[in-house]
PDB file of N, CA and C in Angstrom:
ATOM      1  N   MET A   1      69.709-112.710  65.692  1.00  0.00           N
ATOM      2  CA  MET A   1      69.948-114.119  65.942  1.00  0.00           C
ATOM      3  C   MET A   1      71.311-114.292  66.588  1.00  0.00           C
ATOM      4  N   LYS A   2      71.353-114.999  67.692  1.00  0.00           N
ATOM      5  CA  LYS A   2      72.610-115.241  68.387  1.00  0.00           C
ATOM      6  C   LYS A   2      73.304-116.450  67.765  1.00  0.00           C
ATOM      7  N   ALA A   3      74.577-116.299  67.483  1.00  0.00           N
ATOM      8  CA  ALA A   3      75.351-117.403  66.908  1.00  0.00           C
ATOM      9  C   ALA A   3      75.520-118.495  67.963  1.00  0.00           C
ATOM     10  N   PRO A   4      75.283-119.757  67.614  1.00  0.00           N
ATOM     11  CA  PRO A   4      75.379-120.854  68.593  1.00  0.00           C
ATOM     12  C   PRO A   4      76.807-121.356  68.781  1.00  0.00           C
ATOM     13  N   ILE A   5      77.720-120.439  69.043  1.00  0.00           N
ATOM     14  CA  ILE A   5      79.128-120.826  69.159  1.00  0.00           C
ATOM     15  C   ILE A   5      79.799-119.983  70.233  1.00  0.00           C
ATOM     16  N   ASN A   6      80.762-120.583  70.888  1.00  0.00           N
ATOM     17  CA  ASN A   6      81.576-119.892  71.879  1.00  0.00           C
ATOM     18  C   ASN A   6      83.041-120.013  71.475  1.00  0.00           C
ATOM     19  N   ALA A   7      83.874-119.166  72.020  1.00  0.00           N
ATOM     20  CA  ALA A   7      85.298-119.196  71.683  1.00  0.00           C
ATOM     21  C   ALA A   7      85.913-120.557  71.989  1.00  0.00           C
ATOM     22  N   GLY A   8      85.420-121.258  72.996  1.00  0.00           N
ATOM     23  CA  GLY A   8      85.946-122.573  73.350  1.00  0.00           C
ATOM     24  C   GLY A   8      85.673-123.650  72.309  1.00  0.00           C
ATOM     25  N   ASP A   9      84.735-123.393  71.400  1.00  0.00           N
ATOM     26  CA  ASP A   9      84.424-124.358  70.335  1.00  0.00           C
ATOM     27  C   ASP A   9      85.476-124.358  69.224  1.00  0.00           C
ATOM     28  N   LEU A  10      86.328-123.353  69.180  1.00  0.00           N
ATOM     29  CA  LEU A  10      87.337-123.225  68.123  1.00  0.00           C
ATOM     30  C   LEU A  10      88.534-124.120  68.440  1.00  0.00           C
ATOM     31  N   ARG A  11      88.430-125.413  68.108  1.00  0.00           N
ATOM     32  CA  ARG A  11      89.438-126.400  68.487  1.00  0.00           C
ATOM     33  C   ARG A  11      90.345-126.831  67.344  1.00  0.00           C
ATOM     34  N   HIS A  12      90.030-126.446  66.126  1.00  0.00           N
ATOM     35  CA  HIS A  12      90.795-126.906  64.961  1.00  0.00           C
ATOM     36  C   HIS A  12      91.600-125.753  64.364  1.00  0.00           C
ATOM     37  N   ARG A  13      92.886-125.981  64.165  1.00  0.00           N
ATOM     38  CA  ARG A  13      93.725-124.990  63.484  1.00  0.00           C
ATOM     39  C   ARG A  13      93.610-125.276  61.986  1.00  0.00           C
ATOM     40  N   VAL A  14      93.068-124.328  61.230  1.00  0.00           N
ATOM     41  CA  VAL A  14      92.818-124.522  59.804  1.00  0.00           C
ATOM     42  C   VAL A  14      93.525-123.444  58.991  1.00  0.00           C
ATOM     43  N   THR A  15      93.693-123.741  57.704  1.00  0.00           N
ATOM     44  CA  THR A  15      94.276-122.779  56.776  1.00  0.00           C
ATOM     45  C   THR A  15      93.235-122.404  55.744  1.00  0.00           C
ATOM     46  N   ILE A  16      93.008-121.118  55.568  1.00  0.00           N
ATOM     47  CA  ILE A  16      92.123-120.626  54.516  1.00  0.00           C
ATOM     48  C   ILE A  16      92.988-120.424  53.281  1.00  0.00           C
ATOM     49  N   GLU A  17      92.548-121.010  52.142  1.00  0.00           N
ATOM     50  CA  GLU A  17      93.329-120.943  50.916  1.00  0.00           C
ATOM     51  C   GLU A  17      92.522-120.300  49.799  1.00  0.00           C
ATOM     52  N   SER A  18      93.227-119.580  48.944  1.00  0.00           N
ATOM     53  CA  SER A  18      92.619-118.881  47.814  1.00  0.00           C
ATOM     54  C   SER A  18      93.210-119.417  46.512  1.00  0.00           C
ATOM     55  N   PRO A  19      92.377-119.552  45.465  1.00  0.00           N
ATOM     56  CA  PRO A  19      92.912-120.054  44.198  1.00  0.00           C
ATOM     57  C   PRO A  19      93.703-118.980  43.455  1.00  0.00           C
ATOM     58  N   ALA A  20      94.761-119.408  42.788  1.00  0.00           N
ATOM     59  CA  ALA A  20      95.564-118.501  41.959  1.00  0.00           C
ATOM     60  C   ALA A  20      95.776-119.188  40.616  1.00  0.00           C
ATOM     61  N   ARG A  21      95.305-118.578  39.556  1.00  0.00           N
ATOM     62  CA  ARG A  21      95.458-119.145  38.203  1.00  0.00           C
ATOM     63  C   ARG A  21      96.856-118.823  37.678  1.00  0.00           C
ATOM     64  N   THR A  22      97.496-119.859  37.146  1.00  0.00           N
ATOM     65  CA  THR A  22      98.821-119.713  36.565  1.00  0.00           C
ATOM     66  C   THR A  22      98.769-120.234  35.132  1.00  0.00           C
ATOM     67  N   ALA A  23      99.201-119.415  34.184  1.00  0.00           N
ATOM     68  CA  ALA A  23      99.215-119.839  32.780  1.00  0.00           C
ATOM     69  C   ALA A  23     100.221-120.965  32.598  1.00  0.00           C
ATOM     70  N   ASP A  24      99.825-121.980  31.801  1.00  0.00           N
ATOM     71  CA  ASP A  24     100.759-123.056  31.499  1.00  0.00           C
ATOM     72  C   ASP A  24     101.281-122.907  30.068  1.00  0.00           C
ATOM     73  N   GLU A  25     102.213-123.749  29.689  1.00  0.00           N
ATOM     74  CA  GLU A  25     102.858-123.642  28.387  1.00  0.00           C
ATOM     75  C   GLU A  25     101.952-124.029  27.225  1.00  0.00           C
ATOM     76  N   ALA A  26     100.833-124.695  27.508  1.00  0.00           N
ATOM     77  CA  ALA A  26      99.925-125.148  26.448  1.00  0.00           C
ATOM     78  C   ALA A  26      98.816-124.140  26.170  1.00  0.00           C
ATOM     79  N   GLY A  27      98.880-122.967  26.774  1.00  0.00           N
ATOM     80  CA  GLY A  27      97.871-121.941  26.560  1.00  0.00           C
ATOM     81  C   GLY A  27      96.705-122.015  27.521  1.00  0.00           C
ATOM     82  N   GLY A  28      96.736-122.959  28.419  1.00  0.00           N
ATOM     83  CA  GLY A  28      95.687-123.098  29.429  1.00  0.00           C
ATOM     84  C   GLY A  28      96.136-122.492  30.747  1.00  0.00           C
ATOM     85  N   ALA A  29      95.543-122.960  31.804  1.00  0.00           N
ATOM     86  CA  ALA A  29      95.912-122.461  33.124  1.00  0.00           C
ATOM     87  C   ALA A  29      95.764-123.577  34.148  1.00  0.00           C
ATOM     88  N   THR A  30      96.547-123.497  35.188  1.00  0.00           N
ATOM     89  CA  THR A  30      96.415-124.407  36.316  1.00  0.00           C
ATOM     90  C   THR A  30      96.050-123.571  37.531  1.00  0.00           C
ATOM     91  N   ILE A  31      95.442-124.222  38.485  1.00  0.00           N
ATOM     92  CA  ILE A  31      95.064-123.525  39.716  1.00  0.00           C
ATOM     93  C   ILE A  31      95.964-124.007  40.837  1.00  0.00           C
ATOM     94  N   ASP A  32      96.648-123.078  41.452  1.00  0.00           N
ATOM     95  CA  ASP A  32      97.451-123.342  42.631  1.00  0.00           C
ATOM     96  C   ASP A  32      96.737-122.697  43.811  1.00  0.00           C
ATOM     97  N   TRP A  33      96.846-123.315  44.974  1.00  0.00           N
ATOM     98  CA  TRP A  33      96.193-122.777  46.163  1.00  0.00           C
ATOM     99  C   TRP A  33      97.218-122.091  47.045  1.00  0.00           C
ATOM    100  N   GLN A  34      96.909-120.842  47.418  1.00  0.00           N
ATOM    101  CA  GLN A  34      97.815-120.053  48.247  1.00  0.00           C
ATOM    102  C   GLN A  34      97.176-119.800  49.605  1.00  0.00           C
ATOM    103  N   SER A  35      97.974-119.913  50.622  1.00  0.00           N
ATOM    104  CA  SER A  35      97.503-119.693  51.987  1.00  0.00           C
ATOM    105  C   SER A  35      97.156-118.218  52.194  1.00  0.00           C
ATOM    106  N   VAL A  36      95.979-117.968  52.751  1.00  0.00           N
ATOM    107  CA  VAL A  36      95.542-116.608  53.073  1.00  0.00           C
ATOM    108  C   VAL A  36      95.753-116.337  54.561  1.00  0.00           C
ATOM    109  N   ALA A  37      95.363-117.311  55.390  1.00  0.00           N
ATOM    110  CA  ALA A  37      95.483-117.131  56.838  1.00  0.00           C
ATOM    111  C   ALA A  37      95.349-118.468  57.542  1.00  0.00           C
ATOM    112  N   GLU A  38      95.947-118.567  58.723  1.00  0.00           N
ATOM    113  CA  GLU A  38      95.713-119.693  59.622  1.00  0.00           C
ATOM    114  C   GLU A  38      94.870-119.181  60.764  1.00  0.00           C
ATOM    115  N   VAL A  39      93.755-119.865  61.023  1.00  0.00           N
ATOM    116  CA  VAL A  39      92.821-119.421  62.058  1.00  0.00           C
ATOM    117  C   VAL A  39      92.327-120.634  62.842  1.00  0.00           C
ATOM    118  N   TRP A  40      91.713-120.367  63.987  1.00  0.00           N
ATOM    119  CA  TRP A  40      91.062-121.414  64.771  1.00  0.00           C
ATOM    120  C   TRP A  40      89.623-121.526  64.291  1.00  0.00           C
ATOM    121  N   ALA A  41      89.115-122.774  64.242  1.00  0.00           N
ATOM    122  CA  ALA A  41      87.772-122.999  63.722  1.00  0.00           C
ATOM    123  C   ALA A  41      87.042-124.085  64.508  1.00  0.00           C
ATOM    124  N   ALA A  42      85.720-124.028  64.429  1.00  0.00           N
ATOM    125  CA  ALA A  42      84.850-125.108  64.902  1.00  0.00           C
ATOM    126  C   ALA A  42      84.304-125.783  63.654  1.00  0.00           C
ATOM    127  N   ILE A  43      84.411-127.099  63.585  1.00  0.00           N
ATOM    128  CA  ILE A  43      83.921-127.844  62.430  1.00  0.00           C
ATOM    129  C   ILE A  43      82.797-128.758  62.910  1.00  0.00           C
ATOM    130  N   TRP A  44      81.584-128.500  62.403  1.00  0.00           N
ATOM    131  CA  TRP A  44      80.409-129.269  62.794  1.00  0.00           C
ATOM    132  C   TRP A  44      79.875-130.012  61.584  1.00  0.00           C
ATOM    133  N   SER A  45      79.783-131.327  61.687  1.00  0.00           N
ATOM    134  CA  SER A  45      79.253-132.145  60.596  1.00  0.00           C
ATOM    135  C   SER A  45      77.746-131.932  60.463  1.00  0.00           C
ATOM    136  N   ARG A  46      77.262-131.920  59.210  1.00  0.00           N
ATOM    137  CA  ARG A  46      75.824-131.787  58.949  1.00  0.00           C
ATOM    138  C   ARG A  46      75.254-133.033  58.300  1.00  0.00           C
ATOM    139  N   SER A  47      75.850-133.518  57.216  1.00  0.00           N
ATOM    140  CA  SER A  47      75.324-134.691  56.530  1.00  0.00           C
ATOM    141  C   SER A  47      76.424-135.367  55.735  1.00  0.00           C
ATOM    142  N   ALA A  48      76.129-136.595  55.282  1.00  0.00           N
ATOM    143  CA  ALA A  48      77.070-137.336  54.451  1.00  0.00           C
ATOM    144  C   ALA A  48      76.277-138.190  53.476  1.00  0.00           C
ATOM    145  N   GLY A  49      76.888-138.485  52.340  1.00  0.00           N
ATOM    146  CA  GLY A  49      76.217-139.306  51.348  1.00  0.00           C
ATOM    147  C   GLY A  49      77.175-139.789  50.289  1.00  0.00           C
ATOM    148  N   GLU A  50      76.627-140.515  49.329  1.00  0.00           N
ATOM    149  CA  GLU A  50      77.415-141.041  48.222  1.00  0.00           C
ATOM    150  C   GLU A  50      76.757-140.637  46.918  1.00  0.00           C
ATOM    151  N   PHE A  51      77.559-140.568  45.870  1.00  0.00           N
ATOM    152  CA  PHE A  51      77.035-140.334  44.535  1.00  0.00           C
ATOM    153  C   PHE A  51      77.903-141.080  43.534  1.00  0.00           C
ATOM    154  N   PHE A  52      77.345-141.342  42.371  1.00  0.00           N
ATOM    155  CA  PHE A  52      78.047-142.068  41.318  1.00  0.00           C
ATOM    156  C   PHE A  52      78.624-141.053  40.356  1.00  0.00           C
ATOM    157  N   SER A  53      79.939-141.097  40.157  1.00  0.00           N
ATOM    158  CA  SER A  53      80.612-140.139  39.285  1.00  0.00           C
ATOM    159  C   SER A  53      81.797-140.825  38.612  1.00  0.00           C
ATOM    160  N   ALA A  54      81.905-140.655  37.307  1.00  0.00           N
ATOM    161  CA  ALA A  54      83.032-141.202  36.538  1.00  0.00           C
ATOM    162  C   ALA A  54      83.219-142.694  36.794  1.00  0.00           C
ATOM    163  N   ASP A  55      82.119-143.439  36.713  1.00  0.00           N
ATOM    164  CA  ASP A  55      82.125-144.895  36.876  1.00  0.00           C
ATOM    165  C   ASP A  55      82.618-145.384  38.236  1.00  0.00           C
ATOM    166  N   ARG A  56      82.389-144.583  39.247  1.00  0.00           N
ATOM    167  CA  ARG A  56      82.745-145.017  40.601  1.00  0.00           C
ATOM    168  C   ARG A  56      81.863-144.310  41.619  1.00  0.00           C
ATOM    169  N   ILE A  57      81.836-144.839  42.805  1.00  0.00           N
ATOM    170  CA  ILE A  57      81.069-144.220  43.884  1.00  0.00           C
ATOM    171  C   ILE A  57      81.992-143.287  44.657  1.00  0.00           C
ATOM    172  N   ALA A  58      81.555-142.058  44.869  1.00  0.00           N
ATOM    173  CA  ALA A  58      82.339-141.065  45.612  1.00  0.00           C
ATOM    174  C   ALA A  58      81.526-140.604  46.815  1.00  0.00           C
ATOM    175  N   GLY A  59      82.211-140.203  47.843  1.00  0.00           N
ATOM    176  CA  GLY A  59      81.545-139.734  49.049  1.00  0.00           C
ATOM    177  C   GLY A  59      81.597-138.226  49.160  1.00  0.00           C
ATOM    178  N   ILE A  60      80.610-137.686  49.876  1.00  0.00           N
ATOM    179  CA  ILE A  60      80.574-136.248  50.137  1.00  0.00           C
ATOM    180  C   ILE A  60      80.021-136.032  51.545  1.00  0.00           C
ATOM    181  N   ALA A  61      80.591-135.104  52.258  1.00  0.00           N
ATOM    182  CA  ALA A  61      80.107-134.749  53.592  1.00  0.00           C
ATOM    183  C   ALA A  61      79.979-133.232  53.661  1.00  0.00           C
ATOM    184  N   THR A  62      78.922-132.774  54.307  1.00  0.00           N
ATOM    185  CA  THR A  62      78.747-131.332  54.460  1.00  0.00           C
ATOM    186  C   THR A  62      79.007-130.949  55.916  1.00  0.00           C
ATOM    187  N   HIS A  63      79.547-129.763  56.067  1.00  0.00           N
ATOM    188  CA  HIS A  63      79.926-129.267  57.393  1.00  0.00           C
ATOM    189  C   HIS A  63      79.598-127.780  57.483  1.00  0.00           C
ATOM    190  N   ASP A  64      79.436-127.311  58.706  1.00  0.00           N
ATOM    191  CA  ASP A  64      79.443-125.873  58.984  1.00  0.00           C
ATOM    192  C   ASP A  64      80.762-125.594  59.682  1.00  0.00           C
ATOM    193  N   ILE A  65      81.549-124.698  59.111  1.00  0.00           N
ATOM    194  CA  ILE A  65      82.822-124.317  59.708  1.00  0.00           C
ATOM    195  C   ILE A  65      82.681-122.887  60.204  1.00  0.00           C
ATOM    196  N   TRP A  66      82.893-122.696  61.490  1.00  0.00           N
ATOM    197  CA  TRP A  66      82.769-121.384  62.129  1.00  0.00           C
ATOM    198  C   TRP A  66      84.155-120.841  62.441  1.00  0.00           C
ATOM    199  N   ILE A  67      84.373-119.582  62.097  1.00  0.00           N
ATOM    200  CA  ILE A  67      85.617-118.892  62.435  1.00  0.00           C
ATOM    201  C   ILE A  67      85.262-117.496  62.936  1.00  0.00           C
ATOM    202  N   ARG A  68      86.232-116.835  63.525  1.00  0.00           N
ATOM    203  CA  ARG A  68      86.008-115.418  63.854  1.00  0.00           C
ATOM    204  C   ARG A  68      85.861-114.657  62.543  1.00  0.00           C
ATOM    205  N   HIS A  69      85.063-113.625  62.561  1.00  0.00           N
ATOM    206  CA  HIS A  69      84.706-112.921  61.325  1.00  0.00           C
ATOM    207  C   HIS A  69      85.932-112.401  60.587  1.00  0.00           C
ATOM    208  N   ARG A  70      85.901-112.626  59.274  1.00  0.00           N
ATOM    209  CA  ARG A  70      86.897-112.063  58.348  1.00  0.00           C
ATOM    210  C   ARG A  70      86.113-111.585  57.143  1.00  0.00           C
ATOM    211  N   SER A  71      86.461-110.420  56.633  1.00  0.00           N
ATOM    212  CA  SER A  71      85.743-109.883  55.470  1.00  0.00           C
ATOM    213  C   SER A  71      86.308-110.391  54.148  1.00  0.00           C
ATOM    214  N   ASP A  72      87.427-111.126  54.184  1.00  0.00           N
ATOM    215  CA  ASP A  72      88.071-111.546  52.941  1.00  0.00           C
ATOM    216  C   ASP A  72      87.762-112.999  52.544  1.00  0.00           C
ATOM    217  N   VAL A  73      86.866-113.686  53.237  1.00  0.00           N
ATOM    218  CA  VAL A  73      86.528-115.067  52.908  1.00  0.00           C
ATOM    219  C   VAL A  73      85.397-115.080  51.886  1.00  0.00           C
ATOM    220  N   THR A  74      85.595-115.819  50.782  1.00  0.00           N
ATOM    221  CA  THR A  74      84.602-115.885  49.702  1.00  0.00           C
ATOM    222  C   THR A  74      84.367-117.346  49.310  1.00  0.00           C
ATOM    223  N   PRO A  75      83.250-117.628  48.623  1.00  0.00           N
ATOM    224  CA  PRO A  75      82.941-119.008  48.241  1.00  0.00           C
ATOM    225  C   PRO A  75      83.900-119.653  47.243  1.00  0.00           C
ATOM    226  N   ASP A  76      84.784-118.920  46.620  1.00  0.00           N
ATOM    227  CA  ASP A  76      85.745-119.561  45.714  1.00  0.00           C
ATOM    228  C   ASP A  76      86.979-120.078  46.470  1.00  0.00           C
ATOM    229  N   MET A  77      87.022-119.867  47.770  1.00  0.00           N
ATOM    230  CA  MET A  77      88.142-120.311  48.598  1.00  0.00           C
ATOM    231  C   MET A  77      87.869-121.710  49.152  1.00  0.00           C
ATOM    232  N   ARG A  78      88.851-122.234  49.857  1.00  0.00           N
ATOM    233  CA  ARG A  78      88.673-123.503  50.540  1.00  0.00           C
ATOM    234  C   ARG A  78      89.370-123.445  51.893  1.00  0.00           C
ATOM    235  N   ILE A  79      89.038-124.408  52.731  1.00  0.00           N
ATOM    236  CA  ILE A  79      89.631-124.513  54.061  1.00  0.00           C
ATOM    237  C   ILE A  79      90.315-125.870  54.155  1.00  0.00           C
ATOM    238  N   ARG A  80      91.546-125.860  54.642  1.00  0.00           N
ATOM    239  CA  ARG A  80      92.304-127.091  54.810  1.00  0.00           C
ATOM    240  C   ARG A  80      92.539-127.313  56.299  1.00  0.00           C
ATOM    241  N   CYS A  81      92.251-128.535  56.739  1.00  0.00           N
ATOM    242  CA  CYS A  81      92.501-128.932  58.129  1.00  0.00           C
ATOM    243  C   CYS A  81      93.288-130.238  58.071  1.00  0.00           C
ATOM    244  N   GLY A  82      94.595-130.149  58.215  1.00  0.00           N
ATOM    245  CA  GLY A  82      95.443-131.326  58.039  1.00  0.00           C
ATOM    246  C   GLY A  82      95.379-131.772  56.585  1.00  0.00           C
ATOM    247  N   ASN A  83      95.011-133.042  56.353  1.00  0.00           N
ATOM    248  CA  ASN A  83      94.883-133.521  54.979  1.00  0.00           C
ATOM    249  C   ASN A  83      93.442-133.455  54.467  1.00  0.00           C
ATOM    250  N   ARG A  84      92.542-132.880  55.245  1.00  0.00           N
ATOM    251  CA  ARG A  84      91.146-132.710  54.827  1.00  0.00           C
ATOM    252  C   ARG A  84      90.983-131.357  54.134  1.00  0.00           C
ATOM    253  N   VAL A  85      90.180-131.358  53.043  1.00  0.00           N
ATOM    254  CA  VAL A  85      89.952-130.131  52.281  1.00  0.00           C
ATOM    255  C   VAL A  85      88.449-129.894  52.188  1.00  0.00           C
ATOM    256  N   PHE A  86      88.032-128.675  52.524  1.00  0.00           N
ATOM    257  CA  PHE A  86      86.624-128.296  52.525  1.00  0.00           C
ATOM    258  C   PHE A  86      86.401-127.161  51.521  1.00  0.00           C
ATOM    259  N   ALA A  87      85.532-127.388  50.544  1.00  0.00           N
ATOM    260  CA  ALA A  87      85.168-126.335  49.590  1.00  0.00           C
ATOM    261  C   ALA A  87      84.153-125.422  50.261  1.00  0.00           C
ATOM    262  N   ILE A  88      84.432-124.133  50.309  1.00  0.00           N
ATOM    263  CA  ILE A  88      83.527-123.175  50.944  1.00  0.00           C
ATOM    264  C   ILE A  88      82.361-122.893  50.000  1.00  0.00           C
ATOM    265  N   LEU A  89      81.140-123.067  50.494  1.00  0.00           N
ATOM    266  CA  LEU A  89      79.937-122.810  49.695  1.00  0.00           C
ATOM    267  C   LEU A  89      79.346-121.430  49.956  1.00  0.00           C
ATOM    268  N   GLY A  90      79.705-120.823  51.067  1.00  0.00           N
ATOM    269  CA  GLY A  90      79.194-119.497  51.417  1.00  0.00           C
ATOM    270  C   GLY A  90      79.931-118.955  52.628  1.00  0.00           C
ATOM    271  N   ALA A  91      79.778-117.682  52.877  1.00  0.00           N
ATOM    272  CA  ALA A  91      80.387-117.025  54.039  1.00  0.00           C
ATOM    273  C   ALA A  91      79.318-116.121  54.647  1.00  0.00           C
ATOM    274  N   ILE A  92      78.787-116.525  55.799  1.00  0.00           N
ATOM    275  CA  ILE A  92      77.616-115.865  56.376  1.00  0.00           C
ATOM    276  C   ILE A  92      77.964-115.217  57.707  1.00  0.00           C
ATOM    277  N   ASP A  93      77.741-113.911  57.809  1.00  0.00           N
ATOM    278  CA  ASP A  93      77.846-113.190  59.076  1.00  0.00           C
ATOM    279  C   ASP A  93      76.492-113.381  59.768  1.00  0.00           C
ATOM    280  N   VAL A  94      76.389-114.420  60.582  1.00  0.00           N
ATOM    281  CA  VAL A  94      75.104-114.886  61.097  1.00  0.00           C
ATOM    282  C   VAL A  94      74.328-113.814  61.860  1.00  0.00           C
ATOM    283  N   ASP A  95      74.966-113.080  62.736  1.00  0.00           N
ATOM    284  CA  ASP A  95      74.234-112.091  63.526  1.00  0.00           C
ATOM    285  C   ASP A  95      74.430-110.655  63.017  1.00  0.00           C
ATOM    286  N   ASP A  96      75.066-110.505  61.856  1.00  0.00           N
ATOM    287  CA  ASP A  96      75.308-109.179  61.258  1.00  0.00           C
ATOM    288  C   ASP A  96      76.016-108.215  62.201  1.00  0.00           C
ATOM    289  N   ARG A  97      76.896-108.763  63.041  1.00  0.00           N
ATOM    290  CA  ARG A  97      77.634-107.918  63.976  1.00  0.00           C
ATOM    291  C   ARG A  97      79.141-108.030  63.788  1.00  0.00           C
ATOM    292  N   GLY A  98      79.562-108.804  62.776  1.00  0.00           N
ATOM    293  CA  GLY A  98      80.993-108.921  62.508  1.00  0.00           C
ATOM    294  C   GLY A  98      81.752-109.680  63.565  1.00  0.00           C
ATOM    295  N   ARG A  99      81.093-110.649  64.219  1.00  0.00           N
ATOM    296  CA  ARG A  99      81.778-111.427  65.248  1.00  0.00           C
ATOM    297  C   ARG A  99      82.149-112.822  64.769  1.00  0.00           C
ATOM    298  N   TRP A 100      81.212-113.518  64.130  1.00  0.00           N
ATOM    299  CA  TRP A 100      81.424-114.886  63.689  1.00  0.00           C
ATOM    300  C   TRP A 100      81.105-115.030  62.219  1.00  0.00           C
ATOM    301  N   LEU A 101      81.794-115.957  61.570  1.00  0.00           N
ATOM    302  CA  LEU A 101      81.536-116.264  60.167  1.00  0.00           C
ATOM    303  C   LEU A 101      81.236-117.758  60.067  1.00  0.00           C
ATOM    304  N   LYS A 102      80.077-118.075  59.516  1.00  0.00           N
ATOM    305  CA  LYS A 102      79.685-119.465  59.286  1.00  0.00           C
ATOM    306  C   LYS A 102      79.922-119.776  57.817  1.00  0.00           C
ATOM    307  N   CYS A 103      80.703-120.814  57.564  1.00  0.00           N
ATOM    308  CA  CYS A 103      81.028-121.215  56.190  1.00  0.00           C
ATOM    309  C   CYS A 103      80.466-122.614  55.929  1.00  0.00           C
ATOM    310  N   PRO A 104      79.272-122.705  55.323  1.00  0.00           N
ATOM    311  CA  PRO A 104      78.805-124.024  54.895  1.00  0.00           C
ATOM    312  C   PRO A 104      79.814-124.573  53.888  1.00  0.00           C
ATOM    313  N   SER A 105      80.212-125.831  54.063  1.00  0.00           N
ATOM    314  CA  SER A 105      81.302-126.397  53.263  1.00  0.00           C
ATOM    315  C   SER A 105      81.026-127.836  52.889  1.00  0.00           C
ATOM    316  N   GLU A 106      81.715-128.287  51.826  1.00  0.00           N
ATOM    317  CA  GLU A 106      81.643-129.676  51.394  1.00  0.00           C
ATOM    318  C   GLU A 106      83.027-130.298  51.392  1.00  0.00           C
ATOM    319  N   GLU A 107      83.085-131.513  51.908  1.00  0.00           N
ATOM    320  CA  GLU A 107      84.300-132.317  51.861  1.00  0.00           C
ATOM    321  C   GLU A 107      83.985-133.461  50.899  1.00  0.00           C
ATOM    322  N   ARG A 108      84.682-133.523  49.788  1.00  0.00           N
ATOM    323  CA  ARG A 108      84.343-134.460  48.719  1.00  0.00           C
ATOM    324  C   ARG A 108      85.336-135.605  48.601  1.00  0.00           C
ATOM    325  N   ASP A 109      84.910-136.638  47.861  1.00  0.00           N
ATOM    326  CA  ASP A 109      85.751-137.796  47.544  1.00  0.00           C
ATOM    327  C   ASP A 109      86.292-138.489  48.786  1.00  0.00           C
ATOM    328  N   LEU A 110      85.420-138.855  49.659  1.00  0.00           N
ATOM    329  CA  LEU A 110      85.828-139.485  50.904  1.00  0.00           C
ATOM    330  C   LEU A 110      86.097-140.968  50.734  1.00  0.00           C
TER     331      LEU A 110
END
């Protein structure tokens, strides 16, 4: 399967972030996000909707984010583009050739 993307589609400078657990003084932990890499990406919207959560309506949008292939991207990471944050749902090597990585993602609380 040929990936439907070209190098010219990579118009967004994004930061890939990884969670880091830090113990707090109360015996719990907090999650801090650490930058893994800055890369160029194509961000394609797929769908948007609303849901009711904690006595309020919240928004959610799904996107496909394409980057050049990296073997270190996992679904527990996120992608930041300016003040927008995308939770990575998967990391797919679409053509199994190590050229492109498709990351289905969710942008929440819009």
